[in-house]
PDB file of all heavy atoms in Angstrom:
ATOM      1  N   SER A   1       0.835  -1.165  -0.001  1.00  0.00           N
ATOM      2  CA  SER A   1      -0.005  -0.032   0.019  1.00  0.00           C
ATOM      3  C   SER A   1       0.880   1.222  -0.028  1.00  0.00           C
ATOM      4  O   SER A   1       1.467   1.647   1.012  1.00  0.00           O
ATOM      5  CB  SER A   1      -0.889  -0.047   1.253  1.00  0.00           C
ATOM      6  OG  SER A   1      -1.830  -1.075   1.191  1.00  0.00           O
ATOM      7  N   ASN A   2       1.020   1.878  -1.102  1.00  0.00           N
ATOM      8  CA  ASN A   2       1.949   2.939  -1.337  1.00  0.00           C
ATOM      9  C   ASN A   2       1.231   4.280  -1.728  1.00  0.00           C
ATOM     10  O   ASN A   2       0.077   4.209  -2.214  1.00  0.00           O
ATOM     11  CB  ASN A   2       3.049   2.611  -2.369  1.00  0.00           C
ATOM     12  CG  ASN A   2       3.830   1.386  -2.028  1.00  0.00           C
ATOM     13  OD1 ASN A   2       4.060   1.187  -0.806  1.00  0.00           O
ATOM     14  ND2 ASN A   2       4.353   0.720  -2.953  1.00  0.00           N
ATOM     15  N   ASP A   3       1.942   5.436  -1.504  1.00  0.00           N
ATOM     16  CA  ASP A   3       1.446   6.681  -1.993  1.00  0.00           C
ATOM     17  C   ASP A   3       0.034   7.121  -1.457  1.00  0.00           C
ATOM     18  O   ASP A   3      -0.735   7.699  -2.215  1.00  0.00           O
ATOM     19  CB  ASP A   3       1.358   6.667  -3.525  1.00  0.00           C
ATOM     20  CG  ASP A   3       2.793   6.410  -4.211  1.00  0.00           C
ATOM     21  OD1 ASP A   3       3.667   7.203  -3.993  1.00  0.00           O
ATOM     22  OD2 ASP A   3       2.973   5.312  -4.739  1.00  0.00           O
ATOM     23  N   ASN A   4      -0.221   6.703  -0.260  1.00  0.00           N
ATOM     24  CA  ASN A   4      -1.429   7.216   0.382  1.00  0.00           C
ATOM     25  C   ASN A   4      -1.182   8.334   1.306  1.00  0.00           C
ATOM     26  O   ASN A   4      -0.081   8.598   1.704  1.00  0.00           O
ATOM     27  CB  ASN A   4      -2.005   6.004   1.237  1.00  0.00           C
ATOM     28  CG  ASN A   4      -2.351   4.770   0.364  1.00  0.00           C
ATOM     29  OD1 ASN A   4      -3.291   4.741  -0.327  1.00  0.00           O
ATOM     30  ND2 ASN A   4      -1.458   3.766   0.576  1.00  0.00           N
ATOM     31  N   ARG A   5      -2.247   9.073   1.630  1.00  0.00           N
ATOM     32  CA  ARG A   5      -2.190  10.253   2.532  1.00  0.00           C
ATOM     33  C   ARG A   5      -3.163  10.034   3.747  1.00  0.00           C
ATOM     34  O   ARG A   5      -4.329   9.893   3.538  1.00  0.00           O
ATOM     35  CB  ARG A   5      -2.535  11.484   1.807  1.00  0.00           C
ATOM     36  CG  ARG A   5      -2.464  12.832   2.696  1.00  0.00           C
ATOM     37  CD  ARG A   5      -2.354  13.988   1.894  1.00  0.00           C
ATOM     38  NE  ARG A   5      -3.466  14.145   0.870  1.00  0.00           N
ATOM     39  CZ  ARG A   5      -4.611  14.677   1.112  1.00  0.00           C
ATOM     40  NH1 ARG A   5      -4.899  15.166   2.332  1.00  0.00           N
ATOM     41  NH2 ARG A   5      -5.533  14.754   0.100  1.00  0.00           N
ATOM     42  N   ILE A   6      -2.505  10.092   4.970  1.00  0.00           N
ATOM     43  CA  ILE A   6      -3.336   9.990   6.153  1.00  0.00           C
ATOM     44  C   ILE A   6      -3.187  11.256   6.871  1.00  0.00           C
ATOM     45  O   ILE A   6      -2.080  11.660   7.374  1.00  0.00           O
ATOM     46  CB  ILE A   6      -2.699   8.829   7.083  1.00  0.00           C
ATOM     47  CG1 ILE A   6      -2.378   7.519   6.261  1.00  0.00           C
ATOM     48  CG2 ILE A   6      -3.561   8.499   8.269  1.00  0.00           C
ATOM     49  CD1 ILE A   6      -3.571   6.969   5.561  1.00  0.00           C
ATOM     50  N   GLU A   7      -4.195  12.034   6.917  1.00  0.00           N
ATOM     51  CA  GLU A   7      -4.119  13.489   7.370  1.00  0.00           C
ATOM     52  C   GLU A   7      -5.291  13.817   8.295  1.00  0.00           C
ATOM     53  O   GLU A   7      -6.433  13.630   8.104  1.00  0.00           O
ATOM     54  CB  GLU A   7      -4.118  14.374   6.133  1.00  0.00           C
ATOM     55  CG  GLU A   7      -3.862  15.836   6.474  1.00  0.00           C
ATOM     56  CD  GLU A   7      -3.603  16.743   5.266  1.00  0.00           C
ATOM     57  OE1 GLU A   7      -3.639  16.170   4.137  1.00  0.00           O
ATOM     58  OE2 GLU A   7      -3.362  17.904   5.487  1.00  0.00           O
ATOM     59  N   ALA A   8      -4.907  14.585   9.438  1.00  0.00           N
ATOM     60  CA  ALA A   8      -5.849  15.316  10.196  1.00  0.00           C
ATOM     61  C   ALA A   8      -6.867  14.424  10.834  1.00  0.00           C
ATOM     62  O   ALA A   8      -8.081  14.812  11.079  1.00  0.00           O
ATOM     63  CB  ALA A   8      -6.492  16.489   9.474  1.00  0.00           C
ATOM     64  N   ASN A   9      -6.573  13.198  11.188  1.00  0.00           N
ATOM     65  CA  ASN A   9      -7.442  12.326  11.883  1.00  0.00           C
ATOM     66  C   ASN A   9      -7.175  12.426  13.411  1.00  0.00           C
ATOM     67  O   ASN A   9      -6.093  12.695  13.864  1.00  0.00           O
ATOM     68  CB  ASN A   9      -7.161  10.844  11.505  1.00  0.00           C
ATOM     69  CG  ASN A   9      -7.459  10.686  10.039  1.00  0.00           C
ATOM     70  OD1 ASN A   9      -8.556  10.602   9.579  1.00  0.00           O
ATOM     71  ND2 ASN A   9      -6.324  10.615   9.210  1.00  0.00           N
ATOM     72  N   LEU A  10      -8.290  12.237  14.173  1.00  0.00           N
ATOM     73  CA  LEU A  10      -8.209  12.222  15.610  1.00  0.00           C
ATOM     74  C   LEU A  10      -8.442  10.786  16.097  1.00  0.00           C
ATOM     75  O   LEU A  10      -9.496  10.228  15.893  1.00  0.00           O
ATOM     76  CB  LEU A  10      -9.243  13.063  16.260  1.00  0.00           C
ATOM     77  CG  LEU A  10      -9.430  13.033  17.801  1.00  0.00           C
ATOM     78  CD1 LEU A  10      -8.103  13.494  18.489  1.00  0.00           C
ATOM     79  CD2 LEU A  10     -10.591  13.927  18.248  1.00  0.00           C
ATOM     80  N   ILE A  11      -7.375  10.207  16.723  1.00  0.00           N
ATOM     81  CA  ILE A  11      -7.429   8.768  17.113  1.00  0.00           C
ATOM     82  C   ILE A  11      -7.112   8.708  18.597  1.00  0.00           C
ATOM     83  O   ILE A  11      -6.080   9.055  19.094  1.00  0.00           O
ATOM     84  CB  ILE A  11      -6.407   8.006  16.406  1.00  0.00           C
ATOM     85  CG1 ILE A  11      -6.628   8.095  14.898  1.00  0.00           C
ATOM     86  CG2 ILE A  11      -6.484   6.427  16.785  1.00  0.00           C
ATOM     87  CD1 ILE A  11      -5.489   7.446  13.981  1.00  0.00           C
ATOM     88  N   GLU A  12      -8.132   8.269  19.424  1.00  0.00           N
ATOM     89  CA  GLU A  12      -8.069   8.221  20.873  1.00  0.00           C
ATOM     90  C   GLU A  12      -8.306   6.856  21.403  1.00  0.00           C
ATOM     91  O   GLU A  12      -9.260   6.191  20.966  1.00  0.00           O
ATOM     92  CB  GLU A  12      -8.956   9.209  21.487  1.00  0.00           C
ATOM     93  CG  GLU A  12      -8.753  10.708  21.152  1.00  0.00           C
ATOM     94  CD  GLU A  12      -9.659  11.742  21.838  1.00  0.00           C
ATOM     95  OE1 GLU A  12     -10.859  11.635  21.447  1.00  0.00           O
ATOM     96  OE2 GLU A  12      -9.185  12.321  22.696  1.00  0.00           O
ATOM     97  N   GLU A  13      -7.480   6.363  22.380  1.00  0.00           N
ATOM     98  CA  GLU A  13      -7.677   5.147  23.051  1.00  0.00           C
ATOM     99  C   GLU A  13      -7.977   4.014  22.039  1.00  0.00           C
ATOM    100  O   GLU A  13      -8.799   3.087  22.286  1.00  0.00           O
ATOM    101  CB  GLU A  13      -8.861   5.257  24.003  1.00  0.00           C
ATOM    102  CG  GLU A  13      -8.675   6.292  25.129  1.00  0.00           C
ATOM    103  CD  GLU A  13      -9.770   6.397  26.136  1.00  0.00           C
ATOM    104  OE1 GLU A  13     -10.846   5.806  25.888  1.00  0.00           O
ATOM    105  OE2 GLU A  13      -9.515   7.089  27.155  1.00  0.00           O
ATOM    106  N   SER A  14      -7.154   3.991  20.996  1.00  0.00           N
ATOM    107  CA  SER A  14      -7.175   2.915  20.013  1.00  0.00           C
ATOM    108  C   SER A  14      -5.688   2.485  19.688  1.00  0.00           C
ATOM    109  O   SER A  14      -4.811   2.839  20.439  1.00  0.00           O
ATOM    110  CB  SER A  14      -7.853   3.440  18.717  1.00  0.00           C
ATOM    111  OG  SER A  14      -9.193   3.969  18.923  1.00  0.00           O
ATOM    112  N   GLY A  15      -5.575   1.763  18.684  1.00  0.00           N
ATOM    113  CA  GLY A  15      -4.197   1.605  18.190  1.00  0.00           C
ATOM    114  C   GLY A  15      -3.752   2.904  17.500  1.00  0.00           C
ATOM    115  O   GLY A  15      -4.524   3.917  17.344  1.00  0.00           O
ATOM    116  N   GLY A  16      -2.502   2.940  17.057  1.00  0.00           N
ATOM    117  CA  GLY A  16      -2.042   4.144  16.393  1.00  0.00           C
ATOM    118  C   GLY A  16      -2.102   4.068  14.918  1.00  0.00           C
ATOM    119  O   GLY A  16      -2.969   3.368  14.331  1.00  0.00           O
ATOM    120  N   ILE A  17      -1.215   4.659  14.129  1.00  0.00           N
ATOM    121  CA  ILE A  17      -1.083   4.643  12.685  1.00  0.00           C
ATOM    122  C   ILE A  17       0.107   3.756  12.412  1.00  0.00           C
ATOM    123  O   ILE A  17       1.238   4.012  12.891  1.00  0.00           O
ATOM    124  CB  ILE A  17      -0.878   5.990  12.094  1.00  0.00           C
ATOM    125  CG1 ILE A  17      -2.073   6.886  12.477  1.00  0.00           C
ATOM    126  CG2 ILE A  17      -0.651   5.911  10.651  1.00  0.00           C
ATOM    127  CD1 ILE A  17      -1.909   8.385  12.104  1.00  0.00           C
ATOM    128  N   GLU A  18      -0.112   2.680  11.743  1.00  0.00           N
ATOM    129  CA  GLU A  18       0.893   1.628  11.349  1.00  0.00           C
ATOM    130  C   GLU A  18       1.202   1.671   9.842  1.00  0.00           C
ATOM    131  O   GLU A  18       0.227   1.538   9.028  1.00  0.00           O
ATOM    132  CB  GLU A  18       0.421   0.282  11.724  1.00  0.00           C
ATOM    133  CG  GLU A  18       0.079   0.107  13.157  1.00  0.00           C
ATOM    134  CD  GLU A  18      -0.460  -1.368  13.372  1.00  0.00           C
ATOM    135  OE1 GLU A  18       0.362  -2.225  13.688  1.00  0.00           O
ATOM    136  OE2 GLU A  18      -1.694  -1.481  13.283  1.00  0.00           O
ATOM    137  N   LEU A  19       2.470   1.720   9.514  1.00  0.00           N
ATOM    138  CA  LEU A  19       2.891   1.576   8.079  1.00  0.00           C
ATOM    139  C   LEU A  19       3.669   0.233   8.035  1.00  0.00           C
ATOM    140  O   LEU A  19       4.747   0.265   8.649  1.00  0.00           O
ATOM    141  CB  LEU A  19       3.677   2.756   7.618  1.00  0.00           C
ATOM    142  CG  LEU A  19       3.044   4.125   7.716  1.00  0.00           C
ATOM    143  CD1 LEU A  19       3.954   5.215   7.157  1.00  0.00           C
ATOM    144  CD2 LEU A  19       1.727   4.244   7.048  1.00  0.00           C
ATOM    145  N   LEU A  20       3.142  -0.674   7.376  1.00  0.00           N
ATOM    146  CA  LEU A  20       3.800  -2.103   7.308  1.00  0.00           C
ATOM    147  C   LEU A  20       4.239  -2.325   5.873  1.00  0.00           C
ATOM    148  O   LEU A  20       3.276  -2.443   5.071  1.00  0.00           O
ATOM    149  CB  LEU A  20       2.840  -3.082   7.897  1.00  0.00           C
ATOM    150  CG  LEU A  20       2.244  -2.806   9.249  1.00  0.00           C
ATOM    151  CD1 LEU A  20       1.130  -3.790   9.669  1.00  0.00           C
ATOM    152  CD2 LEU A  20       3.336  -2.891  10.348  1.00  0.00           C
ATOM    153  N   GLU A  21       5.529  -2.352   5.620  1.00  0.00           N
ATOM    154  CA  GLU A  21       6.037  -2.611   4.313  1.00  0.00           C
ATOM    155  C   GLU A  21       5.430  -1.694   3.260  1.00  0.00           C
ATOM    156  O   GLU A  21       5.075  -2.000   2.077  1.00  0.00           O
ATOM    157  CB  GLU A  21       5.781  -4.044   3.883  1.00  0.00           C
ATOM    158  CG  GLU A  21       6.391  -5.116   4.735  1.00  0.00           C
ATOM    159  CD  GLU A  21       6.278  -6.514   4.264  1.00  0.00           C
ATOM    160  OE1 GLU A  21       6.567  -6.711   3.056  1.00  0.00           O
ATOM    161  OE2 GLU A  21       5.786  -7.365   5.043  1.00  0.00           O
ATOM    162  N   ALA A  22       5.225  -0.461   3.655  1.00  0.00           N
ATOM    163  CA  ALA A  22       4.582   0.561   2.897  1.00  0.00           C
ATOM    164  C   ALA A  22       5.549   1.707   2.507  1.00  0.00           C
ATOM    165  O   ALA A  22       6.458   2.074   3.300  1.00  0.00           O
ATOM    166  CB  ALA A  22       3.432   1.193   3.648  1.00  0.00           C
ATOM    167  N   GLU A  23       5.437   2.301   1.360  1.00  0.00           N
ATOM    168  CA  GLU A  23       6.359   3.275   0.808  1.00  0.00           C
ATOM    169  C   GLU A  23       5.703   4.461   0.361  1.00  0.00           C
ATOM    170  O   GLU A  23       4.574   4.480  -0.194  1.00  0.00           O
ATOM    171  CB  GLU A  23       7.207   2.674  -0.292  1.00  0.00           C
ATOM    172  CG  GLU A  23       8.073   1.430   0.163  1.00  0.00           C
ATOM    173  CD  GLU A  23       8.965   0.905  -1.020  1.00  0.00           C
ATOM    174  OE1 GLU A  23       8.780   1.373  -2.146  1.00  0.00           O
ATOM    175  OE2 GLU A  23       9.769   0.023  -0.685  1.00  0.00           O
ATOM    176  N   ARG A  24       6.401   5.625   0.498  1.00  0.00           N
ATOM    177  CA  ARG A  24       5.949   6.954  -0.106  1.00  0.00           C
ATOM    178  C   ARG A  24       4.618   7.397   0.422  1.00  0.00           C
ATOM    179  O   ARG A  24       3.939   8.115  -0.337  1.00  0.00           O
ATOM    180  CB  ARG A  24       5.982   6.926  -1.632  1.00  0.00           C
ATOM    181  CG  ARG A  24       7.394   6.626  -2.205  1.00  0.00           C
ATOM    182  CD  ARG A  24       7.328   6.636  -3.702  1.00  0.00           C
ATOM    183  NE  ARG A  24       6.338   5.850  -4.328  1.00  0.00           N
ATOM    184  CZ  ARG A  24       6.558   4.496  -4.460  1.00  0.00           C
ATOM    185  NH1 ARG A  24       7.662   3.902  -4.097  1.00  0.00           N
ATOM    186  NH2 ARG A  24       5.497   3.729  -5.041  1.00  0.00           N
ATOM    187  N   ASN A  25       4.217   7.022   1.630  1.00  0.00           N
ATOM    188  CA  ASN A  25       2.974   7.524   2.166  1.00  0.00           C
ATOM    189  C   ASN A  25       3.285   8.779   2.954  1.00  0.00           C
ATOM    190  O   ASN A  25       4.353   9.114   3.472  1.00  0.00           O
ATOM    191  CB  ASN A  25       2.397   6.484   3.120  1.00  0.00           C
ATOM    192  CG  ASN A  25       1.950   5.184   2.429  1.00  0.00           C
ATOM    193  OD1 ASN A  25       0.935   5.146   1.767  1.00  0.00           O
ATOM    194  ND2 ASN A  25       2.829   4.168   2.421  1.00  0.00           N
ATOM    195  N   GLN A  26       2.272   9.574   3.149  1.00  0.00           N
ATOM    196  CA  GLN A  26       2.361  10.872   3.953  1.00  0.00           C
ATOM    197  C   GLN A  26       1.360  10.776   5.116  1.00  0.00           C
ATOM    198  O   GLN A  26       0.162  10.465   4.978  1.00  0.00           O
ATOM    199  CB  GLN A  26       1.861  12.006   3.072  1.00  0.00           C
ATOM    200  CG  GLN A  26       2.838  12.257   1.861  1.00  0.00           C
ATOM    201  CD  GLN A  26       2.378  13.532   1.086  1.00  0.00           C
ATOM    202  OE1 GLN A  26       2.443  14.638   1.591  1.00  0.00           O
ATOM    203  NE2 GLN A  26       1.946  13.336  -0.146  1.00  0.00           N
TER     204      GLN A  26
END
């Protein structure tokens, strides 16, 4: 999963943001 944008999300009392074998994401 490459070249995706993860922006301005609010994440509480959950897991975090994970990039696994992923490239060129923001």
